[in-house]
Amino acid sequence: MASPSGPRPAAARGVLRDVPVAHALVYLREKRLTGTYEVRTPDGREAHLLLWRGHLADAVVLGRFEDEGRLARAVTEASPEDRMRAVVRRVFAFPSGSTFAFREVAVAEDATEPHLLLDLLAPVWRGLVERPDDVRIRETLAKVGSSPLTVVRASAFDAAELDDEERAFCDELAGAPRTAEELLAGDAAARLGKEHAELLVYFLVLTQTASPIAAEVTRGSGMRDAVLADVHRSPPSFRMRHVDAETSAAVRLTKTPEELGKEGVRLRASRIGHETAYEALGVDGGAPPEEIRAAYFRLARAWNPARLAPEMKEVQADVARVHAWLATALRAILDTKAAGG
């Protein structure tokens, strides 16, 4: 990836205590941003992560570390992939007073991508395992509360490279919506250990792999949006200036993938965490069940990943995510109406 000529102003900057590394990297991945994420400790150590459309393309550390010898071996003797993972995990150990900046680089649509790209979810998960953020874990569990969680992006299980016991825990949730309390009381959680299971719930919510659903959401109160907004909160310094510049017009949620185009599909998939069930199906709260089902079947047919036009195949995973959310939305609405909501 070509570097920009001359210094570029930071699109975002701040302090790790306000925007933890995990939150920043998940955000950059979701927005498919290209540029350099730079972190500097108070004593002058630095890490630079080079991103290409939300994937890690390279990573370096600068300065002296207490375990210099072990770190040197990690970044020189390992494979390129393991070297990049080692650097990301190193950043998780940076003190909370470290500062960060993200410098975005404009990339042409037909630009040649780097030969090696690494999904950020796996190193983010390992970084959290080694350096869990206990305060934010407790806050997230409290905010999710009794809202059932549902899986909206099962592909993330593979991307995060979960081990067998972690995957078994996630598979329990993939089988049917469950509250965090139910998950943590299950057999898979017992095998993982309480603290590790709580960390995994936090990770699933943070990455929007799992999302809270509740009757209040389908009634339009915005509870689900509020939960996710709180979990993903970031100060103004980290809200990229450009994020809404090109996408400020609301996406019509009832359009087909072909009507939206590839970038529109990616945008829709990235914003699933901010749609209510009614918005997803394009119906209002007073719609009768037959109208809701008709809307679902029409949209489910349009968003069936197996029916995509050949030129849209590269966004098949994003289409599948939307398709899965449509089914979740239908179930949430009908369950609420059946309960008298």
C-alpha atoms as a PDB file:
ATOM      1  CA  MET A   1       0.000   0.000   0.000  1.00  0.00           C
ATOM      2  CA  ALA A   2       1.453   3.306  -0.982  1.00  0.00           C
ATOM      3  CA  SER A   3       2.176   5.700   1.850  1.00  0.00           C
ATOM      4  CA  PRO A   4       0.836   9.248   1.625  1.00  0.00           C
ATOM      5  CA  SER A   5       3.318  11.910   0.615  1.00  0.00           C
ATOM      6  CA  GLY A   6       4.170  14.111   3.617  1.00  0.00           C
ATOM      7  CA  PRO A   7       2.518  14.080   7.036  1.00  0.00           C
ATOM      8  CA  ARG A   8      -1.243  13.750   7.168  1.00  0.00           C
ATOM      9  CA  PRO A   9      -3.467  15.263   9.866  1.00  0.00           C
ATOM     10  CA  ALA A  10      -4.987  12.774  12.274  1.00  0.00           C
ATOM     11  CA  ALA A  11      -8.614  11.870  11.538  1.00  0.00           C
ATOM     12  CA  ALA A  12      -8.925  10.961  15.219  1.00  0.00           C
ATOM     13  CA  ARG A  13      -6.832  11.205  18.347  1.00  0.00           C
ATOM     14  CA  GLY A  14      -7.250  10.601  22.047  1.00  0.00           C
ATOM     15  CA  VAL A  15      -6.104   8.666  25.114  1.00  0.00           C
ATOM     16  CA  LEU A  16      -6.427   4.907  25.653  1.00  0.00           C
ATOM     17  CA  ARG A  17      -8.241   5.318  28.970  1.00  0.00           C
ATOM     18  CA  ASP A  18     -11.082   6.958  27.007  1.00  0.00           C
ATOM     19  CA  VAL A  19     -10.936   4.799  23.872  1.00  0.00           C
ATOM     20  CA  PRO A  20      -9.414   1.366  24.615  1.00  0.00           C
ATOM     21  CA  VAL A  21      -7.400  -0.387  21.930  1.00  0.00           C
ATOM     22  CA  ALA A  22     -10.102  -3.036  21.421  1.00  0.00           C
ATOM     23  CA  HIS A  23     -12.804  -0.419  20.827  1.00  0.00           C
ATOM     24  CA  ALA A  24     -10.620   1.515  18.379  1.00  0.00           C
ATOM     25  CA  LEU A  25      -9.594  -1.522  16.329  1.00  0.00           C
ATOM     26  CA  VAL A  26     -13.128  -2.928  16.183  1.00  0.00           C
ATOM     27  CA  TYR A  27     -14.346   0.477  14.991  1.00  0.00           C
ATOM     28  CA  LEU A  28     -11.657   0.732  12.291  1.00  0.00           C
ATOM     29  CA  ARG A  29     -12.458  -2.805  11.143  1.00  0.00           C
ATOM     30  CA  GLU A  30     -16.199  -2.121  10.969  1.00  0.00           C
ATOM     31  CA  LYS A  31     -15.679   1.085   8.975  1.00  0.00           C
ATOM     32  CA  ARG A  32     -13.183  -0.641   6.622  1.00  0.00           C
ATOM     33  CA  LEU A  33     -10.760   2.243   7.030  1.00  0.00           C
ATOM     34  CA  THR A  34      -7.298   2.511   5.533  1.00  0.00           C
ATOM     35  CA  GLY A  35      -4.484   4.336   7.297  1.00  0.00           C
ATOM     36  CA  THR A  36      -2.178   4.155  10.309  1.00  0.00           C
ATOM     37  CA  TYR A  37      -3.232   3.679  13.916  1.00  0.00           C
ATOM     38  CA  GLU A  38      -0.401   5.043  16.065  1.00  0.00           C
ATOM     39  CA  VAL A  39      -0.070   4.627  19.822  1.00  0.00           C
ATOM     40  CA  ARG A  40       2.592   6.330  21.948  1.00  0.00           C
ATOM     41  CA  THR A  41       3.313   5.678  25.628  1.00  0.00           C
ATOM     42  CA  PRO A  42       4.244   8.477  28.060  1.00  0.00           C
ATOM     43  CA  ASP A  43       7.858   7.213  28.065  1.00  0.00           C
ATOM     44  CA  GLY A  44       8.182   7.343  24.281  1.00  0.00           C
ATOM     45  CA  ARG A  45       7.508   3.776  23.134  1.00  0.00           C
ATOM     46  CA  GLU A  46       5.400   3.552  19.991  1.00  0.00           C
ATOM     47  CA  ALA A  47       3.385   1.097  17.927  1.00  0.00           C
ATOM     48  CA  HIS A  48       2.174   1.690  14.377  1.00  0.00           C
ATOM     49  CA  LEU A  49      -0.546  -0.500  12.865  1.00  0.00           C
ATOM     50  CA  LEU A  50      -1.020  -0.145   9.121  1.00  0.00           C
ATOM     51  CA  LEU A  51      -4.607  -0.883   8.080  1.00  0.00           C
ATOM     52  CA  TRP A  52      -6.038  -1.641   4.666  1.00  0.00           C
ATOM     53  CA  ARG A  53      -9.814  -1.434   4.467  1.00  0.00           C
ATOM     54  CA  GLY A  54     -10.175  -2.548   8.045  1.00  0.00           C
ATOM     55  CA  HIS A  55      -7.580  -5.342   7.905  1.00  0.00           C
ATOM     56  CA  LEU A  56      -4.093  -5.349   9.367  1.00  0.00           C
ATOM     57  CA  ALA A  57      -1.421  -5.026   6.651  1.00  0.00           C
ATOM     58  CA  ASP A  58       1.649  -4.410   8.829  1.00  0.00           C
ATOM     59  CA  ALA A  59       2.634  -3.553  12.402  1.00  0.00           C
ATOM     60  CA  VAL A  60       5.814  -2.263  14.034  1.00  0.00           C
ATOM     61  CA  VAL A  61       6.971  -1.255  17.515  1.00  0.00           C
ATOM     62  CA  LEU A  62       9.524   1.452  18.282  1.00  0.00           C
ATOM     63  CA  GLY A  63      11.434   2.175  21.487  1.00  0.00           C
ATOM     64  CA  ARG A  64      12.828   0.019  24.275  1.00  0.00           C
ATOM     65  CA  PHE A  65      10.793  -2.493  26.266  1.00  0.00           C
ATOM     66  CA  GLU A  66      11.541  -4.296  29.517  1.00  0.00           C
ATOM     67  CA  ASP A  67      11.425  -7.674  27.761  1.00  0.00           C
ATOM     68  CA  GLU A  68      13.404  -6.424  24.765  1.00  0.00           C
ATOM     69  CA  GLY A  69      14.955  -9.791  23.945  1.00  0.00           C
ATOM     70  CA  ARG A  70      11.687 -11.730  23.940  1.00  0.00           C
ATOM     71  CA  LEU A  71       9.957  -8.990  21.975  1.00  0.00           C
ATOM     72  CA  ALA A  72      12.768  -8.879  19.411  1.00  0.00           C
ATOM     73  CA  ARG A  73      12.450 -12.619  18.851  1.00  0.00           C
ATOM     74  CA  ALA A  74       8.680 -12.307  18.553  1.00  0.00           C
ATOM     75  CA  VAL A  75       8.916  -9.691  15.812  1.00  0.00           C
ATOM     76  CA  THR A  76      11.934 -11.019  13.913  1.00  0.00           C
ATOM     77  CA  GLU A  77      11.851 -14.806  14.135  1.00  0.00           C
ATOM     78  CA  ALA A  78       8.120 -15.369  13.770  1.00  0.00           C
ATOM     79  CA  SER A  79       6.092 -15.546  10.585  1.00  0.00           C
ATOM     80  CA  PRO A  80       4.786 -12.195   9.274  1.00  0.00           C
ATOM     81  CA  GLU A  81       1.311 -13.023  10.601  1.00  0.00           C
ATOM     82  CA  ASP A  82       2.603 -13.913  14.073  1.00  0.00           C
ATOM     83  CA  ARG A  83       4.818 -10.822  14.095  1.00  0.00           C
ATOM     84  CA  MET A  84       1.802  -8.585  13.456  1.00  0.00           C
ATOM     85  CA  ARG A  85      -0.227 -10.406  16.101  1.00  0.00           C
ATOM     86  CA  ALA A  86       2.614  -9.930  18.610  1.00  0.00           C
ATOM     87  CA  VAL A  87       2.656  -6.181  17.973  1.00  0.00           C
ATOM     88  CA  VAL A  88      -1.118  -5.847  18.400  1.00  0.00           C
ATOM     89  CA  ARG A  89      -0.978  -7.772  21.662  1.00  0.00           C
ATOM     90  CA  ARG A  90       1.867  -5.516  22.767  1.00  0.00           C
ATOM     91  CA  VAL A  91      -0.363  -2.453  22.262  1.00  0.00           C
ATOM     92  CA  PHE A  92      -2.907  -3.944  24.688  1.00  0.00           C
ATOM     93  CA  ALA A  93      -0.181  -3.762  27.356  1.00  0.00           C
ATOM     94  CA  PHE A  94       0.410  -0.030  26.816  1.00  0.00           C
ATOM     95  CA  PRO A  95      -0.583   2.080  29.852  1.00  0.00           C
ATOM     96  CA  SER A  96      -3.962   3.788  29.837  1.00  0.00           C
ATOM     97  CA  GLY A  97      -2.305   7.197  29.650  1.00  0.00           C
ATOM     98  CA  SER A  98      -0.881   6.408  26.204  1.00  0.00           C
ATOM     99  CA  THR A  99      -2.081   8.599  23.358  1.00  0.00           C
ATOM    100  CA  PHE A 100      -3.297   7.437  19.971  1.00  0.00           C
ATOM    101  CA  ALA A 101      -3.925   8.922  16.553  1.00  0.00           C
ATOM    102  CA  PHE A 102      -5.425   7.518  13.379  1.00  0.00           C
ATOM    103  CA  ARG A 103      -4.221   8.960  10.083  1.00  0.00           C
ATOM    104  CA  GLU A 104      -6.442   7.988   7.207  1.00  0.00           C
ATOM    105  CA  VAL A 105      -5.168   7.359   3.683  1.00  0.00           C
ATOM    106  CA  ALA A 106      -7.379   7.669   0.619  1.00  0.00           C
ATOM    107  CA  VAL A 107      -7.265   4.517  -1.515  1.00  0.00           C
ATOM    108  CA  ALA A 108      -8.502   4.204  -5.078  1.00  0.00           C
ATOM    109  CA  GLU A 109     -11.190   1.588  -5.710  1.00  0.00           C
ATOM    110  CA  ASP A 110      -8.889  -0.313  -8.091  1.00  0.00           C
ATOM    111  CA  ALA A 111      -5.779  -0.071  -5.886  1.00  0.00           C
ATOM    112  CA  THR A 112      -3.737  -3.256  -5.499  1.00  0.00           C
ATOM    113  CA  GLU A 113      -4.170  -4.642  -2.023  1.00  0.00           C
ATOM    114  CA  PRO A 114      -1.203  -5.764   0.104  1.00  0.00           C
ATOM    115  CA  HIS A 115      -0.206  -9.401  -0.328  1.00  0.00           C
ATOM    116  CA  LEU A 116      -0.799 -10.110   3.365  1.00  0.00           C
ATOM    117  CA  LEU A 117      -3.910  -9.003   5.263  1.00  0.00           C
ATOM    118  CA  LEU A 118      -4.893 -10.117   8.748  1.00  0.00           C
ATOM    119  CA  ASP A 119      -8.363  -9.926  10.259  1.00  0.00           C
ATOM    120  CA  LEU A 120      -8.189  -7.849  13.438  1.00  0.00           C
ATOM    121  CA  LEU A 121     -10.688  -9.928  15.421  1.00  0.00           C
ATOM    122  CA  ALA A 122      -8.231 -12.685  16.357  1.00  0.00           C
ATOM    123  CA  PRO A 123      -5.461 -10.435  17.753  1.00  0.00           C
ATOM    124  CA  VAL A 124      -8.073  -8.241  19.457  1.00  0.00           C
ATOM    125  CA  TRP A 125      -9.549 -11.281  21.196  1.00  0.00           C
ATOM    126  CA  ARG A 126      -6.136 -12.575  22.289  1.00  0.00           C
ATOM    127  CA  GLY A 127      -5.227  -9.085  23.511  1.00  0.00           C
ATOM    128  CA  LEU A 128      -8.382  -8.970  25.621  1.00  0.00           C
ATOM    129  CA  VAL A 129      -7.693 -12.433  27.037  1.00  0.00           C
ATOM    130  CA  GLU A 130      -4.240 -11.312  28.147  1.00  0.00           C
ATOM    131  CA  ARG A 131      -5.375  -7.855  29.315  1.00  0.00           C
ATOM    132  CA  PRO A 132      -9.097  -7.973  30.185  1.00  0.00           C
ATOM    133  CA  ASP A 133     -10.803  -4.647  30.834  1.00  0.00           C
ATOM    134  CA  ASP A 134     -12.706  -5.596  33.987  1.00  0.00           C
ATOM    135  CA  VAL A 135     -14.499  -2.261  34.336  1.00  0.00           C
ATOM    136  CA  ARG A 136     -15.930  -2.299  30.822  1.00  0.00           C
ATOM    137  CA  ILE A 137     -16.811  -5.986  31.075  1.00  0.00           C
ATOM    138  CA  ARG A 138     -18.934  -5.284  34.167  1.00  0.00           C
ATOM    139  CA  GLU A 139     -20.482  -2.213  32.546  1.00  0.00           C
ATOM    140  CA  THR A 140     -21.389  -4.175  29.415  1.00  0.00           C
ATOM    141  CA  LEU A 141     -22.975  -7.054  31.329  1.00  0.00           C
ATOM    142  CA  ALA A 142     -24.973  -4.559  33.386  1.00  0.00           C
ATOM    143  CA  LYS A 143     -26.198  -2.688  30.314  1.00  0.00           C
ATOM    144  CA  VAL A 144     -27.149  -5.839  28.427  1.00  0.00           C
ATOM    145  CA  GLY A 145     -28.991  -6.915  31.567  1.00  0.00           C
ATOM    146  CA  SER A 146     -31.911  -9.264  30.948  1.00  0.00           C
ATOM    147  CA  SER A 147     -32.108  -8.587  27.199  1.00  0.00           C
ATOM    148  CA  PRO A 148     -31.761 -11.821  25.226  1.00  0.00           C
ATOM    149  CA  LEU A 149     -28.687 -11.913  23.007  1.00  0.00           C
ATOM    150  CA  THR A 150     -28.856 -13.261  19.474  1.00  0.00           C
ATOM    151  CA  VAL A 151     -26.044 -14.064  17.053  1.00  0.00           C
ATOM    152  CA  VAL A 152     -26.065 -11.799  14.002  1.00  0.00           C
ATOM    153  CA  ARG A 153     -22.628 -12.597  12.609  1.00  0.00           C
ATOM    154  CA  ALA A 154     -21.573 -16.219  13.158  1.00  0.00           C
ATOM    155  CA  SER A 155     -18.678 -15.827  10.708  1.00  0.00           C
ATOM    156  CA  ALA A 156     -16.901 -13.820  13.410  1.00  0.00           C
ATOM    157  CA  PHE A 157     -16.460 -17.029  15.437  1.00  0.00           C
ATOM    158  CA  ASP A 158     -13.975 -18.233  12.822  1.00  0.00           C
ATOM    159  CA  ALA A 159     -12.411 -14.800  12.289  1.00  0.00           C
ATOM    160  CA  ALA A 160     -11.665 -14.525  16.027  1.00  0.00           C
ATOM    161  CA  GLU A 161      -9.987 -17.965  15.966  1.00  0.00           C
ATOM    162  CA  LEU A 162     -11.757 -19.099  19.114  1.00  0.00           C
ATOM    163  CA  ASP A 163     -10.599 -22.333  20.698  1.00  0.00           C
ATOM    164  CA  ASP A 164     -12.898 -25.334  21.045  1.00  0.00           C
ATOM    165  CA  GLU A 165     -14.280 -24.414  24.476  1.00  0.00           C
ATOM    166  CA  GLU A 166     -14.842 -20.778  23.479  1.00  0.00           C
ATOM    167  CA  ARG A 167     -16.574 -21.933  20.304  1.00  0.00           C
ATOM    168  CA  ALA A 168     -18.799 -24.315  22.283  1.00  0.00           C
ATOM    169  CA  PHE A 169     -19.886 -21.372  24.445  1.00  0.00           C
ATOM    170  CA  CYS A 170     -20.756 -19.343  21.326  1.00  0.00           C
ATOM    171  CA  ASP A 171     -22.552 -22.310  19.774  1.00  0.00           C
ATOM    172  CA  GLU A 172     -24.926 -22.341  22.755  1.00  0.00           C
ATOM    173  CA  LEU A 173     -25.911 -18.788  21.893  1.00  0.00           C
ATOM    174  CA  ALA A 174     -26.100 -19.535  18.168  1.00  0.00           C
ATOM    175  CA  GLY A 175     -28.649 -22.252  18.911  1.00  0.00           C
ATOM    176  CA  ALA A 176     -31.214 -19.829  20.354  1.00  0.00           C
ATOM    177  CA  PRO A 177     -31.312 -16.340  21.898  1.00  0.00           C
ATOM    178  CA  ARG A 178     -30.238 -16.341  25.546  1.00  0.00           C
ATOM    179  CA  THR A 179     -29.676 -13.764  28.209  1.00  0.00           C
ATOM    180  CA  ALA A 180     -26.162 -13.242  29.532  1.00  0.00           C
ATOM    181  CA  GLU A 181     -27.269 -14.786  32.823  1.00  0.00           C
ATOM    182  CA  GLU A 182     -28.489 -17.924  31.039  1.00  0.00           C
ATOM    183  CA  LEU A 183     -25.281 -18.176  29.052  1.00  0.00           C
ATOM    184  CA  LEU A 184     -23.098 -17.773  32.115  1.00  0.00           C
ATOM    185  CA  ALA A 185     -25.067 -20.470  33.934  1.00  0.00           C
ATOM    186  CA  GLY A 186     -24.572 -23.013  31.131  1.00  0.00           C
ATOM    187  CA  ASP A 187     -22.219 -25.970  30.924  1.00  0.00           C
ATOM    188  CA  ALA A 188     -19.969 -24.302  28.354  1.00  0.00           C
ATOM    189  CA  ALA A 189     -19.458 -21.318  30.657  1.00  0.00           C
ATOM    190  CA  ALA A 190     -18.611 -23.644  33.536  1.00  0.00           C
ATOM    191  CA  ARG A 191     -15.890 -25.244  31.439  1.00  0.00           C
ATOM    192  CA  LEU A 192     -14.494 -21.847  30.463  1.00  0.00           C
ATOM    193  CA  GLY A 193     -14.632 -20.331  33.914  1.00  0.00           C
ATOM    194  CA  LYS A 194     -16.820 -17.417  34.964  1.00  0.00           C
ATOM    195  CA  GLU A 195     -14.369 -14.608  34.213  1.00  0.00           C
ATOM    196  CA  HIS A 196     -13.415 -15.964  30.787  1.00  0.00           C
ATOM    197  CA  ALA A 197     -17.078 -16.485  29.874  1.00  0.00           C
ATOM    198  CA  GLU A 198     -17.941 -12.926  30.926  1.00  0.00           C
ATOM    199  CA  LEU A 199     -15.053 -11.641  28.807  1.00  0.00           C
ATOM    200  CA  LEU A 200     -16.370 -13.590  25.824  1.00  0.00           C
ATOM    201  CA  VAL A 201     -19.855 -12.085  26.221  1.00  0.00           C
ATOM    202  CA  TYR A 202     -18.247  -8.629  26.293  1.00  0.00           C
ATOM    203  CA  PHE A 203     -16.263  -9.425  23.137  1.00  0.00           C
ATOM    204  CA  LEU A 204     -19.338 -10.722  21.283  1.00  0.00           C
ATOM    205  CA  VAL A 205     -21.312  -7.565  22.105  1.00  0.00           C
ATOM    206  CA  LEU A 206     -18.382  -5.225  21.416  1.00  0.00           C
ATOM    207  CA  THR A 207     -17.855  -6.707  17.946  1.00  0.00           C
ATOM    208  CA  GLN A 208     -21.619  -6.880  17.307  1.00  0.00           C
ATOM    209  CA  THR A 209     -21.262 -10.606  16.733  1.00  0.00           C
ATOM    210  CA  ALA A 210     -24.124 -10.922  19.208  1.00  0.00           C
ATOM    211  CA  SER A 211     -26.737  -8.257  19.718  1.00  0.00           C
ATOM    212  CA  PRO A 212     -29.341  -7.669  22.435  1.00  0.00           C
ATOM    213  CA  ILE A 213     -32.990  -7.981  21.484  1.00  0.00           C
ATOM    214  CA  ALA A 214     -35.951  -7.197  23.706  1.00  0.00           C
ATOM    215  CA  ALA A 215     -39.638  -6.465  23.565  1.00  0.00           C
ATOM    216  CA  GLU A 216     -38.852  -2.820  24.280  1.00  0.00           C
ATOM    217  CA  VAL A 217     -36.808  -2.694  21.094  1.00  0.00           C
ATOM    218  CA  THR A 218     -39.569  -3.947  18.851  1.00  0.00           C
ATOM    219  CA  ARG A 219     -41.942  -1.442  20.390  1.00  0.00           C
ATOM    220  CA  GLY A 220     -39.603   1.249  19.164  1.00  0.00           C
ATOM    221  CA  SER A 221     -38.184   2.439  22.496  1.00  0.00           C
ATOM    222  CA  GLY A 222     -34.634   2.155  21.186  1.00  0.00           C
ATOM    223  CA  MET A 223     -33.450  -0.015  24.084  1.00  0.00           C
ATOM    224  CA  ARG A 224     -31.238  -2.128  21.857  1.00  0.00           C
ATOM    225  CA  ASP A 225     -29.739   0.945  20.226  1.00  0.00           C
ATOM    226  CA  ALA A 226     -29.090   2.445  23.651  1.00  0.00           C
ATOM    227  CA  VAL A 227     -27.320  -0.687  24.878  1.00  0.00           C
ATOM    228  CA  LEU A 228     -25.072  -0.859  21.831  1.00  0.00           C
ATOM    229  CA  ALA A 229     -24.409   2.867  21.838  1.00  0.00           C
ATOM    230  CA  ASP A 230     -23.288   2.661  25.446  1.00  0.00           C
ATOM    231  CA  VAL A 231     -21.068  -0.355  24.867  1.00  0.00           C
ATOM    232  CA  HIS A 232     -19.547   1.252  21.785  1.00  0.00           C
ATOM    233  CA  ARG A 233     -19.373   4.705  23.273  1.00  0.00           C
ATOM    234  CA  SER A 234     -16.423   6.856  22.262  1.00  0.00           C
ATOM    235  CA  PRO A 235     -15.627  10.492  22.956  1.00  0.00           C
ATOM    236  CA  PRO A 236     -15.936  13.068  20.169  1.00  0.00           C
ATOM    237  CA  SER A 237     -12.188  12.830  19.551  1.00  0.00           C
ATOM    238  CA  PHE A 238     -12.648   9.349  18.114  1.00  0.00           C
ATOM    239  CA  ARG A 239     -15.700   9.949  15.984  1.00  0.00           C
ATOM    240  CA  MET A 240     -14.075  10.081  12.571  1.00  0.00           C
ATOM    241  CA  ARG A 241     -14.785  13.367  10.870  1.00  0.00           C
ATOM    242  CA  HIS A 242     -15.410  11.684   7.547  1.00  0.00           C
ATOM    243  CA  VAL A 243     -17.630   8.817   8.685  1.00  0.00           C
ATOM    244  CA  ASP A 244     -20.914  10.392   7.702  1.00  0.00           C
ATOM    245  CA  ALA A 245     -19.560  12.730   5.029  1.00  0.00           C
ATOM    246  CA  GLU A 246     -20.225  10.368   2.166  1.00  0.00           C
ATOM    247  CA  THR A 247     -23.078   8.414   3.750  1.00  0.00           C
ATOM    248  CA  SER A 248     -25.125  11.050   5.533  1.00  0.00           C
ATOM    249  CA  ALA A 249     -28.242  10.271   3.510  1.00  0.00           C
ATOM    250  CA  ALA A 250     -30.210   7.504   5.199  1.00  0.00           C
ATOM    251  CA  VAL A 251     -30.072   4.138   3.480  1.00  0.00           C
ATOM    252  CA  ARG A 252     -33.503   2.925   2.462  1.00  0.00           C
ATOM    253  CA  LEU A 253     -33.653  -0.328   4.366  1.00  0.00           C
ATOM    254  CA  THR A 254     -36.173  -1.845   1.997  1.00  0.00           C
ATOM    255  CA  LYS A 255     -33.902  -1.646  -1.045  1.00  0.00           C
ATOM    256  CA  THR A 256     -32.402  -4.800  -2.537  1.00  0.00           C
ATOM    257  CA  PRO A 257     -28.646  -5.471  -2.518  1.00  0.00           C
ATOM    258  CA  GLU A 258     -28.468  -4.733  -6.245  1.00  0.00           C
ATOM    259  CA  GLU A 259     -30.230  -1.401  -5.733  1.00  0.00           C
ATOM    260  CA  LEU A 260     -27.869  -0.434  -2.927  1.00  0.00           C
ATOM    261  CA  GLY A 261     -24.673  -1.520  -4.678  1.00  0.00           C
ATOM    262  CA  LYS A 262     -21.631  -3.002  -2.938  1.00  0.00           C
ATOM    263  CA  GLU A 263     -20.823  -0.036  -0.737  1.00  0.00           C
ATOM    264  CA  GLY A 264     -24.466   0.379   0.210  1.00  0.00           C
ATOM    265  CA  VAL A 265     -24.640  -3.284   1.208  1.00  0.00           C
ATOM    266  CA  ARG A 266     -21.518  -2.935   3.335  1.00  0.00           C
ATOM    267  CA  LEU A 267     -22.997   0.144   4.984  1.00  0.00           C
ATOM    268  CA  ARG A 268     -26.294  -1.616   5.687  1.00  0.00           C
ATOM    269  CA  ALA A 269     -24.487  -4.606   7.201  1.00  0.00           C
ATOM    270  CA  SER A 270     -22.276  -2.358   9.356  1.00  0.00           C
ATOM    271  CA  ARG A 271     -25.324  -0.520  10.717  1.00  0.00           C
ATOM    272  CA  ILE A 272     -27.422  -3.511  11.665  1.00  0.00           C
ATOM    273  CA  GLY A 273     -26.654  -2.766  15.312  1.00  0.00           C
ATOM    274  CA  HIS A 274     -28.539   0.512  14.957  1.00  0.00           C
ATOM    275  CA  GLU A 275     -31.764  -0.791  13.381  1.00  0.00           C
ATOM    276  CA  THR A 276     -34.871  -1.703  15.321  1.00  0.00           C
ATOM    277  CA  ALA A 277     -36.765  -4.792  14.221  1.00  0.00           C
ATOM    278  CA  TYR A 278     -39.525  -2.669  12.693  1.00  0.00           C
ATOM    279  CA  GLU A 279     -37.007  -0.562  10.781  1.00  0.00           C
ATOM    280  CA  ALA A 280     -35.334  -3.678   9.423  1.00  0.00           C
ATOM    281  CA  LEU A 281     -38.588  -4.932   7.900  1.00  0.00           C
ATOM    282  CA  GLY A 282     -39.823  -1.491   6.847  1.00  0.00           C
ATOM    283  CA  VAL A 283     -43.092  -1.699   8.784  1.00  0.00           C
ATOM    284  CA  ASP A 284     -44.572   0.406  11.565  1.00  0.00           C
ATOM    285  CA  GLY A 285     -45.519  -0.659  15.059  1.00  0.00           C
ATOM    286  CA  GLY A 286     -49.202  -0.969  14.245  1.00  0.00           C
ATOM    287  CA  ALA A 287     -48.757  -3.320  11.278  1.00  0.00           C
ATOM    288  CA  PRO A 288     -50.743  -6.574  11.532  1.00  0.00           C
ATOM    289  CA  PRO A 289     -48.852  -9.909  11.582  1.00  0.00           C
ATOM    290  CA  GLU A 290     -49.781 -10.760   7.966  1.00  0.00           C
ATOM    291  CA  GLU A 291     -48.283  -7.475   6.740  1.00  0.00           C
ATOM    292  CA  ILE A 292     -45.141  -8.058   8.783  1.00  0.00           C
ATOM    293  CA  ARG A 293     -44.732 -11.585   7.397  1.00  0.00           C
ATOM    294  CA  ALA A 294     -45.267 -10.344   3.828  1.00  0.00           C
ATOM    295  CA  ALA A 295     -42.602  -7.679   4.310  1.00  0.00           C
ATOM    296  CA  TYR A 296     -40.214 -10.251   5.730  1.00  0.00           C
ATOM    297  CA  PHE A 297     -40.680 -12.770   2.908  1.00  0.00           C
ATOM    298  CA  ARG A 298     -40.229 -10.073   0.280  1.00  0.00           C
ATOM    299  CA  LEU A 299     -37.021  -8.801   1.855  1.00  0.00           C
ATOM    300  CA  ALA A 300     -35.702 -12.271   2.738  1.00  0.00           C
ATOM    301  CA  ARG A 301     -36.071 -13.278  -0.895  1.00  0.00           C
ATOM    302  CA  ALA A 302     -34.266 -10.133  -2.051  1.00  0.00           C
ATOM    303  CA  TRP A 303     -31.466 -10.560   0.507  1.00  0.00           C
ATOM    304  CA  ASN A 304     -30.966 -14.305   0.026  1.00  0.00           C
ATOM    305  CA  PRO A 305     -27.170 -14.638  -0.408  1.00  0.00           C
ATOM    306  CA  ALA A 306     -27.689 -17.617  -2.709  1.00  0.00           C
ATOM    307  CA  ARG A 307     -29.636 -15.444  -5.178  1.00  0.00           C
ATOM    308  CA  LEU A 308     -27.060 -12.676  -5.542  1.00  0.00           C
ATOM    309  CA  ALA A 309     -26.061 -11.430  -8.960  1.00  0.00           C
ATOM    310  CA  PRO A 310     -22.529 -12.562  -9.916  1.00  0.00           C
ATOM    311  CA  GLU A 311     -21.135  -9.037  -9.688  1.00  0.00           C
ATOM    312  CA  MET A 312     -22.263  -8.836  -6.028  1.00  0.00           C
ATOM    313  CA  LYS A 313     -20.548 -12.013  -4.806  1.00  0.00           C
ATOM    314  CA  GLU A 314     -17.791 -10.151  -2.972  1.00  0.00           C
ATOM    315  CA  VAL A 315     -20.351  -8.790  -0.491  1.00  0.00           C
ATOM    316  CA  GLN A 316     -22.077 -12.149   0.002  1.00  0.00           C
ATOM    317  CA  ALA A 317     -21.046 -12.298   3.674  1.00  0.00           C
ATOM    318  CA  ASP A 318     -22.556  -8.853   4.308  1.00  0.00           C
ATOM    319  CA  VAL A 319     -25.767  -9.882   2.549  1.00  0.00           C
ATOM    320  CA  ALA A 320     -25.924 -13.036   4.669  1.00  0.00           C
ATOM    321  CA  ARG A 321     -25.610 -10.945   7.813  1.00  0.00           C
ATOM    322  CA  VAL A 322     -28.553  -8.757   6.795  1.00  0.00           C
ATOM    323  CA  HIS A 323     -30.560 -11.849   5.801  1.00  0.00           C
ATOM    324  CA  ALA A 324     -30.005 -13.373   9.261  1.00  0.00           C
ATOM    325  CA  TRP A 325     -31.023 -10.129  10.981  1.00  0.00           C
ATOM    326  CA  LEU A 326     -34.291 -10.029   9.016  1.00  0.00           C
ATOM    327  CA  ALA A 327     -35.254 -13.417  10.462  1.00  0.00           C
ATOM    328  CA  THR A 328     -34.315 -12.242  13.955  1.00  0.00           C
ATOM    329  CA  ALA A 329     -36.399  -9.090  13.487  1.00  0.00           C
ATOM    330  CA  LEU A 330     -39.456 -11.087  12.371  1.00  0.00           C
ATOM    331  CA  ARG A 331     -39.189 -13.431  15.337  1.00  0.00           C
ATOM    332  CA  ALA A 332     -38.768 -10.554  17.799  1.00  0.00           C
ATOM    333  CA  ILE A 333     -41.831  -8.696  16.503  1.00  0.00           C
ATOM    334  CA  LEU A 334     -44.109 -11.721  16.336  1.00  0.00           C
ATOM    335  CA  ASP A 335     -43.025 -12.954  19.767  1.00  0.00           C
ATOM    336  CA  THR A 336     -43.802  -9.537  21.222  1.00  0.00           C
ATOM    337  CA  LYS A 337     -47.223  -9.387  19.578  1.00  0.00           C
ATOM    338  CA  ALA A 338     -48.019 -12.916  20.742  1.00  0.00           C
ATOM    339  CA  ALA A 339     -47.169 -11.823  24.281  1.00  0.00           C
ATOM    340  CA  GLY A 340     -49.572  -8.927  23.972  1.00  0.00           C
ATOM    341  CA  GLY A 341     -46.940  -6.232  23.253  1.00  0.00           C
END
